[in-house]
Amino acid sequence: MSFYSYKNANADLCPGTVTGNVCNGLSEKICIQVKNVYDACLQQEQLDDVEVTVSNIVPVLPDANCRGGSNRTCTCSCSGNSCNCSCPNCGGTITHEQAVENAENSTCPLPAPIGQWTFESCRSANTKGTIRNLTIDRMCDRPQFARIKGIVDIPIDVLFTDDRCQEWMGTATVSVQKDVLLAIPEESIVPFTLESLVSAICVSGDYIGNCKFEIIICVTIVLKILAEVELMIPSYGFCQIPPCEEFAENVCDEFFSLPLFPQKAGPTSVSCANGNCSTPCVNNCGVMATAYTGTSSCSNCGTTCGSSNSSLCPRCGCTMTQS
């Protein structure tokens, strides 16, 4: 199972929303090493008539795993204790990296773009922008602030077709000039850094020749003043890692969850009056209040309701048993 398995839904030590008194269970103060955000700002804008040059062009070919039916296996490369995995994308939006991988795995000779190119779409390749030509000038009249100027480069993937309707994908860069005010910390042994989080998507585009497109693009840029620090925070203690749940098609679960003997039919259910139930629902399962005064419980995940007008569990979908 995992932290978020229905079998752990009521576990107190699983990550998730805290209900009741948030101080209950705090057991210690711990020191953690994190990136502290001293200040940040967000800007969103539409850039018109941006000229970009596309490079690293590869054909968009289907993944070989897409021909294997519905159960498609992800490919992973592992080194030491970590693995990087990519899953086949069949018919959806792919990245330039995936297009390169599909082209490298192709058994057929790769084509070349022919004739006029037609723009299809573009979007940011990742969420990390590159900042260059950076200058930081402290403000004399505002001691905690500085004027920050620089150029943020946003990597994008551009999708287009040629005269044969073959799809192609290449990479390009959109550069955005920034001139903003941000609060910065005082000088210290550990220096602060400036990072950018970016996202972009194209509205339209036209091919203007020589591997260049003129595009209209919507960009979001977040600038952050960061420093690697050690913080003291309250803790609920170490996580209790649940055992892994072995995959199995438990086709008998629904049958085994049925009661052993036939149950008596309960009275006709009634709706809540003005949204107030006369019999409250336990565990926030959200079912309608009924005239039945007993309880209904799920033998699969343990969800219990004060009353129920449904024979199926609202959490896992298995049969509810009235008692």
C-alpha atoms as a PDB file:
ATOM      1  CA  MET A   1       0.000   0.000   0.000  1.00  0.00           C
ATOM      2  CA  SER A   2       1.043   3.657  -0.022  1.00  0.00           C
ATOM      3  CA  PHE A   3       0.483   6.711   2.174  1.00  0.00           C
ATOM      4  CA  TYR A   4      -2.630   7.437   0.123  1.00  0.00           C
ATOM      5  CA  SER A   5      -4.094   3.932  -0.077  1.00  0.00           C
ATOM      6  CA  TYR A   6      -7.663   3.705   1.196  1.00  0.00           C
ATOM      7  CA  LYS A   7      -6.343   1.292   3.833  1.00  0.00           C
ATOM      8  CA  ASN A   8      -4.375   4.191   5.310  1.00  0.00           C
ATOM      9  CA  ALA A   9      -7.164   6.750   5.029  1.00  0.00           C
ATOM     10  CA  ASN A  10      -7.601   7.035   8.796  1.00  0.00           C
ATOM     11  CA  ALA A  11      -3.962   6.686   9.831  1.00  0.00           C
ATOM     12  CA  ASP A  12      -2.895   9.578  12.073  1.00  0.00           C
ATOM     13  CA  LEU A  13       0.736   9.601  10.954  1.00  0.00           C
ATOM     14  CA  CYS A  14       0.175   9.740   7.200  1.00  0.00           C
ATOM     15  CA  PRO A  15       0.884  13.018   5.343  1.00  0.00           C
ATOM     16  CA  GLY A  16      -2.245  15.034   4.675  1.00  0.00           C
ATOM     17  CA  THR A  17      -4.689  17.556   6.091  1.00  0.00           C
ATOM     18  CA  VAL A  18      -4.667  18.018   9.865  1.00  0.00           C
ATOM     19  CA  THR A  19      -8.081  17.911  11.521  1.00  0.00           C
ATOM     20  CA  GLY A  20      -8.812  19.155  15.005  1.00  0.00           C
ATOM     21  CA  ASN A  21      -6.023  20.667  17.122  1.00  0.00           C
ATOM     22  CA  VAL A  22      -2.887  20.946  14.971  1.00  0.00           C
ATOM     23  CA  CYS A  23      -0.700  20.969  18.095  1.00  0.00           C
ATOM     24  CA  ASN A  24      -1.693  17.437  19.074  1.00  0.00           C
ATOM     25  CA  GLY A  25       1.097  15.031  18.200  1.00  0.00           C
ATOM     26  CA  LEU A  26       3.940  17.561  17.988  1.00  0.00           C
ATOM     27  CA  SER A  27       6.860  15.712  19.532  1.00  0.00           C
ATOM     28  CA  GLU A  28      10.074  17.623  18.834  1.00  0.00           C
ATOM     29  CA  LYS A  29      11.871  20.539  17.229  1.00  0.00           C
ATOM     30  CA  ILE A  30      14.058  19.555  14.310  1.00  0.00           C
ATOM     31  CA  CYS A  31      16.609  21.357  12.172  1.00  0.00           C
ATOM     32  CA  ILE A  32      16.147  20.998   8.412  1.00  0.00           C
ATOM     33  CA  GLN A  33      18.190  22.312   5.496  1.00  0.00           C
ATOM     34  CA  VAL A  34      16.009  24.041   2.891  1.00  0.00           C
ATOM     35  CA  LYS A  35      15.942  26.920   0.427  1.00  0.00           C
ATOM     36  CA  ASN A  36      14.336  29.858   2.198  1.00  0.00           C
ATOM     37  CA  VAL A  37      12.340  32.238  -0.039  1.00  0.00           C
ATOM     38  CA  TYR A  38      13.056  35.792   1.109  1.00  0.00           C
ATOM     39  CA  ASP A  39      10.955  37.455  -1.579  1.00  0.00           C
ATOM     40  CA  ALA A  40       9.236  36.574  -4.848  1.00  0.00           C
ATOM     41  CA  CYS A  41       7.142  38.193  -7.548  1.00  0.00           C
ATOM     42  CA  LEU A  42       5.056  36.967 -10.482  1.00  0.00           C
ATOM     43  CA  GLN A  43       4.478  38.579 -13.864  1.00  0.00           C
ATOM     44  CA  GLN A  44       2.226  37.309 -16.641  1.00  0.00           C
ATOM     45  CA  GLU A  45       2.114  38.913 -20.061  1.00  0.00           C
ATOM     46  CA  GLN A  46       1.346  38.311 -23.715  1.00  0.00           C
ATOM     47  CA  LEU A  47       4.262  38.828 -26.100  1.00  0.00           C
ATOM     48  CA  ASP A  48       3.343  39.611 -29.706  1.00  0.00           C
ATOM     49  CA  ASP A  49       5.412  39.087 -32.862  1.00  0.00           C
ATOM     50  CA  VAL A  50       8.241  37.255 -31.101  1.00  0.00           C
ATOM     51  CA  GLU A  51      10.758  35.828 -33.559  1.00  0.00           C
ATOM     52  CA  VAL A  52      12.286  32.486 -32.579  1.00  0.00           C
ATOM     53  CA  THR A  53      14.763  30.250 -34.386  1.00  0.00           C
ATOM     54  CA  VAL A  54      14.072  26.516 -34.202  1.00  0.00           C
ATOM     55  CA  SER A  55      16.974  24.074 -33.861  1.00  0.00           C
ATOM     56  CA  ASN A  56      17.483  20.409 -32.921  1.00  0.00           C
ATOM     57  CA  ILE A  57      14.644  19.437 -35.275  1.00  0.00           C
ATOM     58  CA  VAL A  58      13.454  15.822 -35.127  1.00  0.00           C
ATOM     59  CA  PRO A  59      10.421  14.058 -36.641  1.00  0.00           C
ATOM     60  CA  VAL A  60       7.521  13.238 -34.325  1.00  0.00           C
ATOM     61  CA  LEU A  61       7.285   9.459 -34.602  1.00  0.00           C
ATOM     62  CA  PRO A  62       5.056   7.090 -32.593  1.00  0.00           C
ATOM     63  CA  ASP A  63       6.614   5.367 -29.629  1.00  0.00           C
ATOM     64  CA  ALA A  64       7.340   1.696 -30.290  1.00  0.00           C
ATOM     65  CA  ASN A  65       5.543   0.816 -27.045  1.00  0.00           C
ATOM     66  CA  CYS A  66       2.331   2.354 -28.383  1.00  0.00           C
ATOM     67  CA  ARG A  67       1.803  -0.697 -30.584  1.00  0.00           C
ATOM     68  CA  GLY A  68       1.620  -3.037 -27.642  1.00  0.00           C
ATOM     69  CA  GLY A  69      -1.997  -2.595 -26.575  1.00  0.00           C
ATOM     70  CA  SER A  70      -3.366  -0.818 -23.504  1.00  0.00           C
ATOM     71  CA  ASN A  71      -0.797  -2.115 -20.996  1.00  0.00           C
ATOM     72  CA  ARG A  72       2.193  -0.008 -22.037  1.00  0.00           C
ATOM     73  CA  THR A  73       5.419  -0.469 -20.107  1.00  0.00           C
ATOM     74  CA  CYS A  74       7.455   2.531 -19.021  1.00  0.00           C
ATOM     75  CA  THR A  75      11.188   2.489 -19.810  1.00  0.00           C
ATOM     76  CA  CYS A  76      13.556   3.272 -16.954  1.00  0.00           C
ATOM     77  CA  SER A  77      17.295   3.786 -16.679  1.00  0.00           C
ATOM     78  CA  CYS A  78      18.622   3.117 -13.190  1.00  0.00           C
ATOM     79  CA  SER A  79      21.915   4.084 -11.611  1.00  0.00           C
ATOM     80  CA  GLY A  80      22.637   3.286  -7.984  1.00  0.00           C
ATOM     81  CA  ASN A  81      19.555   3.958  -5.869  1.00  0.00           C
ATOM     82  CA  SER A  82      17.692   6.172  -8.347  1.00  0.00           C
ATOM     83  CA  CYS A  83      15.809   5.562 -11.589  1.00  0.00           C
ATOM     84  CA  ASN A  84      14.654   7.934 -14.315  1.00  0.00           C
ATOM     85  CA  CYS A  85      11.529   6.663 -16.038  1.00  0.00           C
ATOM     86  CA  SER A  86       9.557   7.758 -19.086  1.00  0.00           C
ATOM     87  CA  CYS A  87       6.220   6.331 -20.140  1.00  0.00           C
ATOM     88  CA  PRO A  88       5.058   6.064 -23.772  1.00  0.00           C
ATOM     89  CA  ASN A  89       2.910   8.946 -24.955  1.00  0.00           C
ATOM     90  CA  CYS A  90       0.470   7.708 -27.587  1.00  0.00           C
ATOM     91  CA  GLY A  91      -1.366  10.444 -29.412  1.00  0.00           C
ATOM     92  CA  GLY A  92      -0.941  13.093 -26.719  1.00  0.00           C
ATOM     93  CA  THR A  93       1.391  16.054 -26.346  1.00  0.00           C
ATOM     94  CA  ILE A  94       5.027  14.958 -26.215  1.00  0.00           C
ATOM     95  CA  THR A  95       8.203  16.790 -25.305  1.00  0.00           C
ATOM     96  CA  HIS A  96      11.235  17.323 -27.521  1.00  0.00           C
ATOM     97  CA  GLU A  97      13.147  14.849 -25.373  1.00  0.00           C
ATOM     98  CA  GLN A  98      10.521  12.172 -26.030  1.00  0.00           C
ATOM     99  CA  ALA A  99      10.536  12.964 -29.755  1.00  0.00           C
ATOM    100  CA  VAL A 100      14.339  12.548 -29.847  1.00  0.00           C
ATOM    101  CA  GLU A 101      14.068   9.215 -28.014  1.00  0.00           C
ATOM    102  CA  ASN A 102      11.397   7.934 -30.434  1.00  0.00           C
ATOM    103  CA  ALA A 103      13.506   9.009 -33.421  1.00  0.00           C
ATOM    104  CA  GLU A 104      16.605   7.280 -32.027  1.00  0.00           C
ATOM    105  CA  ASN A 105      14.628   4.069 -31.514  1.00  0.00           C
ATOM    106  CA  SER A 106      13.119   4.137 -34.998  1.00  0.00           C
ATOM    107  CA  THR A 107      14.133   1.263 -37.293  1.00  0.00           C
ATOM    108  CA  CYS A 108      13.316   3.258 -40.446  1.00  0.00           C
ATOM    109  CA  PRO A 109      15.465   5.948 -42.081  1.00  0.00           C
ATOM    110  CA  LEU A 110      14.616   9.374 -40.685  1.00  0.00           C
ATOM    111  CA  PRO A 111      13.034  11.848 -43.154  1.00  0.00           C
ATOM    112  CA  ALA A 112      13.874  15.524 -43.590  1.00  0.00           C
ATOM    113  CA  PRO A 113      11.408  18.459 -43.632  1.00  0.00           C
ATOM    114  CA  ILE A 114      10.093  19.198 -47.121  1.00  0.00           C
ATOM    115  CA  GLY A 115       8.524  22.378 -48.477  1.00  0.00           C
ATOM    116  CA  GLN A 116       6.666  25.002 -46.486  1.00  0.00           C
ATOM    117  CA  TRP A 117       6.433  24.648 -42.715  1.00  0.00           C
ATOM    118  CA  THR A 118       3.139  25.175 -40.895  1.00  0.00           C
ATOM    119  CA  PHE A 119       3.113  26.186 -37.230  1.00  0.00           C
ATOM    120  CA  GLU A 120       1.044  23.983 -34.910  1.00  0.00           C
ATOM    121  CA  SER A 121       1.893  24.822 -31.299  1.00  0.00           C
ATOM    122  CA  CYS A 122       4.594  25.537 -28.763  1.00  0.00           C
ATOM    123  CA  ARG A 123       4.980  25.434 -25.021  1.00  0.00           C
ATOM    124  CA  SER A 124       7.734  25.751 -22.413  1.00  0.00           C
ATOM    125  CA  ALA A 125      10.071  22.761 -22.298  1.00  0.00           C
ATOM    126  CA  ASN A 126      10.552  22.917 -18.503  1.00  0.00           C
ATOM    127  CA  THR A 127       9.850  25.227 -15.573  1.00  0.00           C
ATOM    128  CA  LYS A 128      13.381  26.503 -14.983  1.00  0.00           C
ATOM    129  CA  GLY A 129      14.419  29.686 -16.759  1.00  0.00           C
ATOM    130  CA  THR A 130      17.956  30.961 -17.309  1.00  0.00           C
ATOM    131  CA  ILE A 131      18.855  34.453 -16.076  1.00  0.00           C
ATOM    132  CA  ARG A 132      21.627  36.409 -17.837  1.00  0.00           C
ATOM    133  CA  ASN A 133      22.962  39.974 -17.864  1.00  0.00           C
ATOM    134  CA  LEU A 134      21.894  40.229 -14.220  1.00  0.00           C
ATOM    135  CA  THR A 135      22.472  43.408 -12.184  1.00  0.00           C
ATOM    136  CA  ILE A 136      21.340  44.011  -8.584  1.00  0.00           C
ATOM    137  CA  ASP A 137      21.393  47.587  -7.279  1.00  0.00           C
ATOM    138  CA  ARG A 138      20.373  48.295  -3.683  1.00  0.00           C
ATOM    139  CA  MET A 139      17.999  51.219  -3.193  1.00  0.00           C
ATOM    140  CA  CYS A 140      19.305  54.004  -0.949  1.00  0.00           C
ATOM    141  CA  ASP A 141      15.805  55.219  -0.092  1.00  0.00           C
ATOM    142  CA  ARG A 142      14.513  51.683   0.515  1.00  0.00           C
ATOM    143  CA  PRO A 143      17.269  49.802   2.396  1.00  0.00           C
ATOM    144  CA  GLN A 144      15.678  46.361   2.187  1.00  0.00           C
ATOM    145  CA  PHE A 145      14.991  46.554  -1.543  1.00  0.00           C
ATOM    146  CA  ALA A 146      17.027  46.309  -4.719  1.00  0.00           C
ATOM    147  CA  ARG A 147      16.461  46.981  -8.394  1.00  0.00           C
ATOM    148  CA  ILE A 148      16.940  43.710 -10.259  1.00  0.00           C
ATOM    149  CA  LYS A 149      17.514  43.825 -14.012  1.00  0.00           C
ATOM    150  CA  GLY A 150      18.182  40.928 -16.319  1.00  0.00           C
ATOM    151  CA  ILE A 151      17.015  38.768 -19.186  1.00  0.00           C
ATOM    152  CA  VAL A 152      15.084  35.545 -18.520  1.00  0.00           C
ATOM    153  CA  ASP A 153      15.447  32.897 -21.222  1.00  0.00           C
ATOM    154  CA  ILE A 154      12.489  30.488 -21.481  1.00  0.00           C
ATOM    155  CA  PRO A 155      13.154  27.215 -23.350  1.00  0.00           C
ATOM    156  CA  ILE A 156      10.236  26.152 -25.567  1.00  0.00           C
ATOM    157  CA  ASP A 157       9.347  23.161 -27.751  1.00  0.00           C
ATOM    158  CA  VAL A 158       7.921  24.100 -31.165  1.00  0.00           C
ATOM    159  CA  LEU A 159       5.669  21.690 -33.083  1.00  0.00           C
ATOM    160  CA  PHE A 160       5.101  22.145 -36.837  1.00  0.00           C
ATOM    161  CA  THR A 161       4.324  20.193 -40.011  1.00  0.00           C
ATOM    162  CA  ASP A 162       5.828  20.154 -43.499  1.00  0.00           C
ATOM    163  CA  ASP A 163       4.189  19.753 -46.930  1.00  0.00           C
ATOM    164  CA  ARG A 164       3.837  15.994 -46.413  1.00  0.00           C
ATOM    165  CA  CYS A 165       1.878  16.574 -43.181  1.00  0.00           C
ATOM    166  CA  GLN A 166       4.754  15.027 -41.249  1.00  0.00           C
ATOM    167  CA  GLU A 167       4.974  16.500 -37.760  1.00  0.00           C
ATOM    168  CA  TRP A 168       8.296  17.888 -36.534  1.00  0.00           C
ATOM    169  CA  MET A 169       9.501  19.255 -33.223  1.00  0.00           C
ATOM    170  CA  GLY A 170      12.388  21.557 -32.414  1.00  0.00           C
ATOM    171  CA  THR A 171      13.664  23.728 -29.596  1.00  0.00           C
ATOM    172  CA  ALA A 172      13.823  27.506 -29.330  1.00  0.00           C
ATOM    173  CA  THR A 173      14.268  30.209 -26.686  1.00  0.00           C
ATOM    174  CA  VAL A 174      12.056  33.172 -25.786  1.00  0.00           C
ATOM    175  CA  SER A 175      13.933  35.998 -24.032  1.00  0.00           C
ATOM    176  CA  VAL A 176      12.081  38.376 -21.687  1.00  0.00           C
ATOM    177  CA  GLN A 177      13.586  41.543 -20.222  1.00  0.00           C
ATOM    178  CA  LYS A 178      12.885  42.057 -16.501  1.00  0.00           C
ATOM    179  CA  ASP A 179      13.326  45.178 -14.362  1.00  0.00           C
ATOM    180  CA  VAL A 180      11.708  44.722 -10.939  1.00  0.00           C
ATOM    181  CA  LEU A 181      12.023  45.600  -7.245  1.00  0.00           C
ATOM    182  CA  LEU A 182      12.534  42.808  -4.715  1.00  0.00           C
ATOM    183  CA  ALA A 183      13.416  42.688  -1.023  1.00  0.00           C
ATOM    184  CA  ILE A 184      16.852  41.171  -0.481  1.00  0.00           C
ATOM    185  CA  PRO A 185      18.561  40.104   2.761  1.00  0.00           C
ATOM    186  CA  GLU A 186      21.614  41.757   4.269  1.00  0.00           C
ATOM    187  CA  GLU A 187      25.120  40.501   3.504  1.00  0.00           C
ATOM    188  CA  SER A 188      25.960  37.161   5.094  1.00  0.00           C
ATOM    189  CA  ILE A 189      28.443  34.305   4.842  1.00  0.00           C
ATOM    190  CA  VAL A 190      25.913  32.238   2.897  1.00  0.00           C
ATOM    191  CA  PRO A 191      24.976  34.303  -0.180  1.00  0.00           C
ATOM    192  CA  PHE A 192      21.482  34.608  -1.568  1.00  0.00           C
ATOM    193  CA  THR A 193      20.635  33.583  -5.137  1.00  0.00           C
ATOM    194  CA  LEU A 194      18.073  34.597  -7.744  1.00  0.00           C
ATOM    195  CA  GLU A 195      16.074  31.900  -9.519  1.00  0.00           C
ATOM    196  CA  SER A 196      13.257  31.953 -12.040  1.00  0.00           C
ATOM    197  CA  LEU A 197      10.254  29.669 -12.489  1.00  0.00           C
ATOM    198  CA  VAL A 198       8.774  29.929 -15.976  1.00  0.00           C
ATOM    199  CA  SER A 199       5.868  28.654 -18.039  1.00  0.00           C
ATOM    200  CA  ALA A 200       4.770  29.591 -21.558  1.00  0.00           C
ATOM    201  CA  ILE A 201       2.285  28.550 -24.201  1.00  0.00           C
ATOM    202  CA  CYS A 202       1.791  29.820 -27.754  1.00  0.00           C
ATOM    203  CA  VAL A 203      -1.397  31.404 -29.049  1.00  0.00           C
ATOM    204  CA  SER A 204      -0.467  31.379 -32.742  1.00  0.00           C
ATOM    205  CA  GLY A 205       2.517  31.451 -35.066  1.00  0.00           C
ATOM    206  CA  ASP A 206       3.640  31.865 -38.688  1.00  0.00           C
ATOM    207  CA  TYR A 207       6.659  30.489 -40.506  1.00  0.00           C
ATOM    208  CA  ILE A 208       8.851  33.276 -41.908  1.00  0.00           C
ATOM    209  CA  GLY A 209      11.589  31.113 -43.432  1.00  0.00           C
ATOM    210  CA  ASN A 210      15.124  30.079 -42.540  1.00  0.00           C
ATOM    211  CA  CYS A 211      13.941  27.908 -39.601  1.00  0.00           C
ATOM    212  CA  LYS A 212      12.245  30.914 -37.970  1.00  0.00           C
ATOM    213  CA  PHE A 213       8.720  31.427 -36.656  1.00  0.00           C
ATOM    214  CA  GLU A 214       6.937  34.579 -35.566  1.00  0.00           C
ATOM    215  CA  ILE A 215       4.750  33.695 -32.592  1.00  0.00           C
ATOM    216  CA  ILE A 216       2.319  35.185 -30.085  1.00  0.00           C
ATOM    217  CA  ILE A 217       3.078  33.649 -26.709  1.00  0.00           C
ATOM    218  CA  CYS A 218       1.727  33.917 -23.149  1.00  0.00           C
ATOM    219  CA  VAL A 219       4.451  33.756 -20.504  1.00  0.00           C
ATOM    220  CA  THR A 220       4.482  33.468 -16.723  1.00  0.00           C
ATOM    221  CA  ILE A 221       7.685  34.287 -14.843  1.00  0.00           C
ATOM    222  CA  VAL A 222       8.250  33.999 -11.094  1.00  0.00           C
ATOM    223  CA  LEU A 223      11.454  35.540  -9.720  1.00  0.00           C
ATOM    224  CA  LYS A 224      12.593  34.326  -6.287  1.00  0.00           C
ATOM    225  CA  ILE A 225      15.290  35.476  -3.854  1.00  0.00           C
ATOM    226  CA  LEU A 226      16.583  32.299  -2.190  1.00  0.00           C
ATOM    227  CA  ALA A 227      19.254  31.173   0.238  1.00  0.00           C
ATOM    228  CA  GLU A 228      20.232  27.746   1.535  1.00  0.00           C
ATOM    229  CA  VAL A 229      19.477  27.887   5.268  1.00  0.00           C
ATOM    230  CA  GLU A 230      18.907  25.671   8.294  1.00  0.00           C
ATOM    231  CA  LEU A 231      15.508  26.166   9.911  1.00  0.00           C
ATOM    232  CA  MET A 232      14.128  24.978  13.245  1.00  0.00           C
ATOM    233  CA  ILE A 233      10.583  23.669  12.803  1.00  0.00           C
ATOM    234  CA  PRO A 234       8.129  21.664  14.947  1.00  0.00           C
ATOM    235  CA  SER A 235       7.734  18.016  13.997  1.00  0.00           C
ATOM    236  CA  TYR A 236       5.298  15.158  14.407  1.00  0.00           C
ATOM    237  CA  GLY A 237       8.199  12.718  14.307  1.00  0.00           C
ATOM    238  CA  PHE A 238       9.434  10.459  11.557  1.00  0.00           C
ATOM    239  CA  CYS A 239       7.083   9.082   8.917  1.00  0.00           C
ATOM    240  CA  GLN A 240       5.892   5.531   9.324  1.00  0.00           C
ATOM    241  CA  ILE A 241       6.457   4.007   5.888  1.00  0.00           C
ATOM    242  CA  PRO A 242       3.673   1.516   5.060  1.00  0.00           C
ATOM    243  CA  PRO A 243       4.505  -1.814   3.431  1.00  0.00           C
ATOM    244  CA  CYS A 244       4.188  -1.987  -0.337  1.00  0.00           C
ATOM    245  CA  GLU A 245       0.902  -3.334  -1.639  1.00  0.00           C
ATOM    246  CA  GLU A 246       1.498  -6.135  -4.126  1.00  0.00           C
ATOM    247  CA  PHE A 247      -0.446  -5.681  -7.330  1.00  0.00           C
ATOM    248  CA  ALA A 248      -3.202  -8.247  -7.727  1.00  0.00           C
ATOM    249  CA  GLU A 249      -6.507  -8.320  -9.554  1.00  0.00           C
ATOM    250  CA  ASN A 250      -8.653  -9.189  -6.567  1.00  0.00           C
ATOM    251  CA  VAL A 251     -11.736 -10.148  -8.512  1.00  0.00           C
ATOM    252  CA  CYS A 252     -13.275 -11.816  -5.450  1.00  0.00           C
ATOM    253  CA  ASP A 253     -13.087  -8.761  -3.152  1.00  0.00           C
ATOM    254  CA  GLU A 254     -16.558  -7.494  -3.997  1.00  0.00           C
ATOM    255  CA  PHE A 255     -18.053 -10.958  -3.550  1.00  0.00           C
ATOM    256  CA  PHE A 256     -16.262 -11.549  -0.220  1.00  0.00           C
ATOM    257  CA  SER A 257     -17.496  -8.164   1.064  1.00  0.00           C
ATOM    258  CA  LEU A 258     -21.137  -9.305   0.861  1.00  0.00           C
ATOM    259  CA  PRO A 259     -22.803 -10.249   4.183  1.00  0.00           C
ATOM    260  CA  LEU A 260     -22.876 -13.943   4.995  1.00  0.00           C
ATOM    261  CA  PHE A 261     -26.647 -13.981   5.559  1.00  0.00           C
ATOM    262  CA  PRO A 262     -29.432 -11.957   3.868  1.00  0.00           C
ATOM    263  CA  GLN A 263     -30.122  -8.661   5.664  1.00  0.00           C
ATOM    264  CA  LYS A 264     -33.515  -7.241   6.499  1.00  0.00           C
ATOM    265  CA  ALA A 265     -34.636  -4.404   4.266  1.00  0.00           C
ATOM    266  CA  GLY A 266     -34.515  -1.042   6.040  1.00  0.00           C
ATOM    267  CA  PRO A 267     -37.246   1.639   5.909  1.00  0.00           C
ATOM    268  CA  THR A 268     -37.531   4.088   3.036  1.00  0.00           C
ATOM    269  CA  SER A 269     -34.765   6.692   3.123  1.00  0.00           C
ATOM    270  CA  VAL A 270     -35.507  10.387   3.604  1.00  0.00           C
ATOM    271  CA  SER A 271     -33.445  13.385   2.486  1.00  0.00           C
ATOM    272  CA  CYS A 272     -31.766  15.881   4.806  1.00  0.00           C
ATOM    273  CA  ALA A 273     -33.969  18.839   5.715  1.00  0.00           C
ATOM    274  CA  ASN A 274     -32.281  22.115   4.746  1.00  0.00           C
ATOM    275  CA  GLY A 275     -28.981  20.269   4.507  1.00  0.00           C
ATOM    276  CA  ASN A 276     -29.032  19.223   8.198  1.00  0.00           C
ATOM    277  CA  CYS A 277     -29.007  15.492   8.833  1.00  0.00           C
ATOM    278  CA  SER A 278     -30.723  14.138  11.890  1.00  0.00           C
ATOM    279  CA  THR A 279     -28.187  11.328  11.956  1.00  0.00           C
ATOM    280  CA  PRO A 280     -24.649  12.592  11.279  1.00  0.00           C
ATOM    281  CA  CYS A 281     -22.364  10.827   8.827  1.00  0.00           C
ATOM    282  CA  VAL A 282     -19.176   9.448  10.326  1.00  0.00           C
ATOM    283  CA  ASN A 283     -15.790   9.917   8.608  1.00  0.00           C
ATOM    284  CA  ASN A 284     -17.176  12.613   6.257  1.00  0.00           C
ATOM    285  CA  CYS A 285     -18.350  10.040   3.742  1.00  0.00           C
ATOM    286  CA  GLY A 286     -21.010  12.461   2.482  1.00  0.00           C
ATOM    287  CA  VAL A 287     -23.986  10.107   2.045  1.00  0.00           C
ATOM    288  CA  MET A 288     -27.621  11.216   2.477  1.00  0.00           C
ATOM    289  CA  ALA A 289     -29.253  10.873   5.903  1.00  0.00           C
ATOM    290  CA  THR A 290     -32.020   8.269   6.068  1.00  0.00           C
ATOM    291  CA  ALA A 291     -34.650   7.127   8.509  1.00  0.00           C
ATOM    292  CA  TYR A 292     -32.494   4.070   9.256  1.00  0.00           C
ATOM    293  CA  THR A 293     -31.014   4.526  12.745  1.00  0.00           C
ATOM    294  CA  GLY A 294     -28.271   1.888  12.595  1.00  0.00           C
ATOM    295  CA  THR A 295     -24.871   2.085  10.942  1.00  0.00           C
ATOM    296  CA  SER A 296     -23.476   0.944   7.609  1.00  0.00           C
ATOM    297  CA  SER A 297     -19.870  -0.184   7.322  1.00  0.00           C
ATOM    298  CA  CYS A 298     -17.612  -1.261   4.485  1.00  0.00           C
ATOM    299  CA  SER A 299     -15.801  -4.538   5.058  1.00  0.00           C
ATOM    300  CA  ASN A 300     -13.133  -3.513   2.567  1.00  0.00           C
ATOM    301  CA  CYS A 301     -11.898  -0.114   3.814  1.00  0.00           C
ATOM    302  CA  GLY A 302     -13.749   0.210   7.137  1.00  0.00           C
ATOM    303  CA  THR A 303     -15.704   3.399   6.315  1.00  0.00           C
ATOM    304  CA  THR A 304     -18.666   3.728   8.718  1.00  0.00           C
ATOM    305  CA  CYS A 305     -21.717   5.935   8.238  1.00  0.00           C
ATOM    306  CA  GLY A 306     -24.449   6.774  10.700  1.00  0.00           C
ATOM    307  CA  SER A 307     -27.006   6.171   7.968  1.00  0.00           C
ATOM    308  CA  SER A 308     -26.869   5.281   4.318  1.00  0.00           C
ATOM    309  CA  ASN A 309     -29.188   5.267   1.352  1.00  0.00           C
ATOM    310  CA  SER A 310     -26.646   3.480  -0.813  1.00  0.00           C
ATOM    311  CA  SER A 311     -25.439  -0.105  -0.838  1.00  0.00           C
ATOM    312  CA  LEU A 312     -21.977   0.941  -2.112  1.00  0.00           C
ATOM    313  CA  CYS A 313     -19.166   2.527  -0.106  1.00  0.00           C
ATOM    314  CA  PRO A 314     -18.647   6.199  -1.085  1.00  0.00           C
ATOM    315  CA  ARG A 315     -14.864   5.832  -0.649  1.00  0.00           C
ATOM    316  CA  CYS A 316     -13.870   2.581  -2.380  1.00  0.00           C
ATOM    317  CA  GLY A 317     -17.082   1.486  -4.125  1.00  0.00           C
ATOM    318  CA  CYS A 318     -17.441  -1.875  -2.351  1.00  0.00           C
ATOM    319  CA  THR A 319     -20.640  -3.119  -0.741  1.00  0.00           C
ATOM    320  CA  MET A 320     -21.809  -1.441   2.510  1.00  0.00           C
ATOM    321  CA  THR A 321     -23.210  -3.671   5.247  1.00  0.00           C
ATOM    322  CA  GLN A 322     -25.959  -2.365   7.541  1.00  0.00           C
ATOM    323  CA  SER A 323     -25.992  -3.315  11.204  1.00  0.00           C
END
